Amino acid sequence: MPRSGGSYSTSDLSRKSGDIIAEALRHPVTITQRNKPRLVLLNIDDYERLMRQSDARTVGMLETMPRELFDEFQAAVDAYAETDEASR
């Protein structure tokens, strides 16, 4: 039933939603529209895992930035400021 390994058109979704949902419970399924991927159906466990991973992002602050990286950042800001002032 799958087209190219778990990919279905929106028309397929209308006609065969039960089968496609059953497959999406086993692994992610791509839904295409006009032959372009538009949606992905996936089970709740996979969705929650992805959401947990995205929440693991950290915020950096200048105070916690490694000195070498801070110096590089400062040099880039200074160079930009000098170029901006020269163009005025």
C-alpha atoms as a PDB file:
ATOM      1  CA  MET A   1       0.000   0.000   0.000  1.00  0.00           C
ATOM      2  CA  PRO A   2       2.732   2.634   0.744  1.00  0.00           C
ATOM      3  CA  ARG A   3       4.123   4.735  -2.025  1.00  0.00           C
ATOM      4  CA  SER A   4       7.905   4.978  -1.788  1.00  0.00           C
ATOM      5  CA  GLY A   5       8.110   3.726   1.779  1.00  0.00           C
ATOM      6  CA  GLY A   6       5.495   5.425   3.952  1.00  0.00           C
ATOM      7  CA  SER A   7       4.544   8.337   1.727  1.00  0.00           C
ATOM      8  CA  TYR A   8       0.950   9.055   0.742  1.00  0.00           C
ATOM      9  CA  SER A   9      -0.884  11.818  -1.072  1.00  0.00           C
ATOM     10  CA  THR A  10      -3.619  13.897   0.540  1.00  0.00           C
ATOM     11  CA  SER A  11      -6.066  11.996  -1.702  1.00  0.00           C
ATOM     12  CA  ASP A  12      -4.801   8.705  -0.238  1.00  0.00           C
ATOM     13  CA  LEU A  13      -5.328  10.136   3.223  1.00  0.00           C
ATOM     14  CA  SER A  14      -8.955  10.915   2.389  1.00  0.00           C
ATOM     15  CA  ARG A  15      -9.620   7.439   0.986  1.00  0.00           C
ATOM     16  CA  LYS A  16      -7.484   5.257   3.258  1.00  0.00           C
ATOM     17  CA  SER A  17      -7.176   7.208   6.486  1.00  0.00           C
ATOM     18  CA  GLY A  18      -7.582   4.153   8.743  1.00  0.00           C
ATOM     19  CA  ASP A  19      -4.775   2.225   7.074  1.00  0.00           C
ATOM     20  CA  ILE A  20      -2.499   5.261   6.992  1.00  0.00           C
ATOM     21  CA  ILE A  21      -3.133   6.040  10.659  1.00  0.00           C
ATOM     22  CA  ALA A  22      -2.402   2.409  11.545  1.00  0.00           C
ATOM     23  CA  GLU A  23       0.910   2.680   9.693  1.00  0.00           C
ATOM     24  CA  ALA A  24       1.714   6.012  11.379  1.00  0.00           C
ATOM     25  CA  LEU A  25       1.358   4.281  14.753  1.00  0.00           C
ATOM     26  CA  ARG A  26       4.312   2.057  13.733  1.00  0.00           C
ATOM     27  CA  HIS A  27       6.522   4.676  12.065  1.00  0.00           C
ATOM     28  CA  PRO A  28       6.298   8.262  10.723  1.00  0.00           C
ATOM     29  CA  VAL A  29       4.328   8.653   7.494  1.00  0.00           C
ATOM     30  CA  THR A  30       4.782  11.518   5.018  1.00  0.00           C
ATOM     31  CA  ILE A  31       1.731  13.127   3.441  1.00  0.00           C
ATOM     32  CA  THR A  32       2.351  14.805   0.095  1.00  0.00           C
ATOM     33  CA  GLN A  33       0.389  17.413  -1.809  1.00  0.00           C
ATOM     34  CA  ARG A  34       1.141  17.923  -5.474  1.00  0.00           C
ATOM     35  CA  ASN A  35       4.094  15.522  -5.072  1.00  0.00           C
ATOM     36  CA  LYS A  36       5.717  17.676  -2.364  1.00  0.00           C
ATOM     37  CA  PRO A  37       6.051  16.559   1.258  1.00  0.00           C
ATOM     38  CA  ARG A  38       3.665  18.656   3.361  1.00  0.00           C
ATOM     39  CA  LEU A  39       2.937  16.787   6.604  1.00  0.00           C
ATOM     40  CA  VAL A  40       4.276  14.004   8.769  1.00  0.00           C
ATOM     41  CA  LEU A  41       2.023  11.777  10.862  1.00  0.00           C
ATOM     42  CA  LEU A  42       3.719  10.135  13.820  1.00  0.00           C
ATOM     43  CA  ASN A  43       2.707   8.398  17.002  1.00  0.00           C
ATOM     44  CA  ILE A  44       2.462  10.325  20.255  1.00  0.00           C
ATOM     45  CA  ASP A  45       5.557   8.687  21.765  1.00  0.00           C
ATOM     46  CA  ASP A  46       7.743   9.857  18.887  1.00  0.00           C
ATOM     47  CA  TYR A  47       6.157  13.321  19.038  1.00  0.00           C
ATOM     48  CA  GLU A  48       6.774  13.636  22.789  1.00  0.00           C
ATOM     49  CA  ARG A  49      10.371  12.444  22.355  1.00  0.00           C
ATOM     50  CA  LEU A  50      10.957  15.128  19.727  1.00  0.00           C
ATOM     51  CA  MET A  51       9.413  17.775  21.955  1.00  0.00           C
ATOM     52  CA  ARG A  52      11.602  16.743  24.901  1.00  0.00           C
ATOM     53  CA  GLN A  53      14.683  16.976  22.685  1.00  0.00           C
ATOM     54  CA  SER A  54      13.731  20.459  21.508  1.00  0.00           C
ATOM     55  CA  ASP A  55      13.285  21.577  25.139  1.00  0.00           C
ATOM     56  CA  ALA A  56      16.876  20.573  25.854  1.00  0.00           C
ATOM     57  CA  ARG A  57      18.154  23.703  24.163  1.00  0.00           C
ATOM     58  CA  THR A  58      20.300  25.936  26.335  1.00  0.00           C
ATOM     59  CA  VAL A  59      20.662  29.663  26.461  1.00  0.00           C
ATOM     60  CA  GLY A  60      24.108  31.161  26.412  1.00  0.00           C
ATOM     61  CA  MET A  61      25.117  34.481  27.901  1.00  0.00           C
ATOM     62  CA  LEU A  62      28.128  36.653  27.240  1.00  0.00           C
ATOM     63  CA  GLU A  63      29.247  36.115  30.828  1.00  0.00           C
ATOM     64  CA  THR A  64      29.432  32.339  30.332  1.00  0.00           C
ATOM     65  CA  MET A  65      30.946  32.416  26.833  1.00  0.00           C
ATOM     66  CA  PRO A  66      34.489  31.017  26.564  1.00  0.00           C
ATOM     67  CA  ARG A  67      37.037  33.866  26.485  1.00  0.00           C
ATOM     68  CA  GLU A  68      38.378  32.924  23.045  1.00  0.00           C
ATOM     69  CA  LEU A  69      34.909  32.947  21.532  1.00  0.00           C
ATOM     70  CA  PHE A  70      34.062  36.218  23.308  1.00  0.00           C
ATOM     71  CA  ASP A  71      37.200  37.861  21.887  1.00  0.00           C
ATOM     72  CA  GLU A  72      36.280  36.662  18.380  1.00  0.00           C
ATOM     73  CA  PHE A  73      32.739  37.967  18.832  1.00  0.00           C
ATOM     74  CA  GLN A  74      33.996  41.327  20.115  1.00  0.00           C
ATOM     75  CA  ALA A  75      36.388  41.679  17.163  1.00  0.00           C
ATOM     76  CA  ALA A  76      33.539  41.009  14.728  1.00  0.00           C
ATOM     77  CA  VAL A  77      31.307  43.589  16.436  1.00  0.00           C
ATOM     78  CA  ASP A  78      34.116  46.156  16.401  1.00  0.00           C
ATOM     79  CA  ALA A  79      34.869  45.506  12.713  1.00  0.00           C
ATOM     80  CA  TYR A  80      31.184  45.875  11.856  1.00  0.00           C
ATOM     81  CA  ALA A  81      30.943  49.128  13.825  1.00  0.00           C
ATOM     82  CA  GLU A  82      34.010  50.536  12.079  1.00  0.00           C
ATOM     83  CA  THR A  83      32.635  49.624   8.631  1.00  0.00           C
ATOM     84  CA  ASP A  84      29.254  51.108   9.520  1.00  0.00           C
ATOM     85  CA  GLU A  85      30.816  54.374  10.717  1.00  0.00           C
ATOM     86  CA  ALA A  86      33.017  54.601   7.605  1.00  0.00           C
ATOM     87  CA  SER A  87      29.997  54.266   5.342  1.00  0.00           C
ATOM     88  CA  ARG A  88      28.190  57.202   6.962  1.00  0.00           C
END
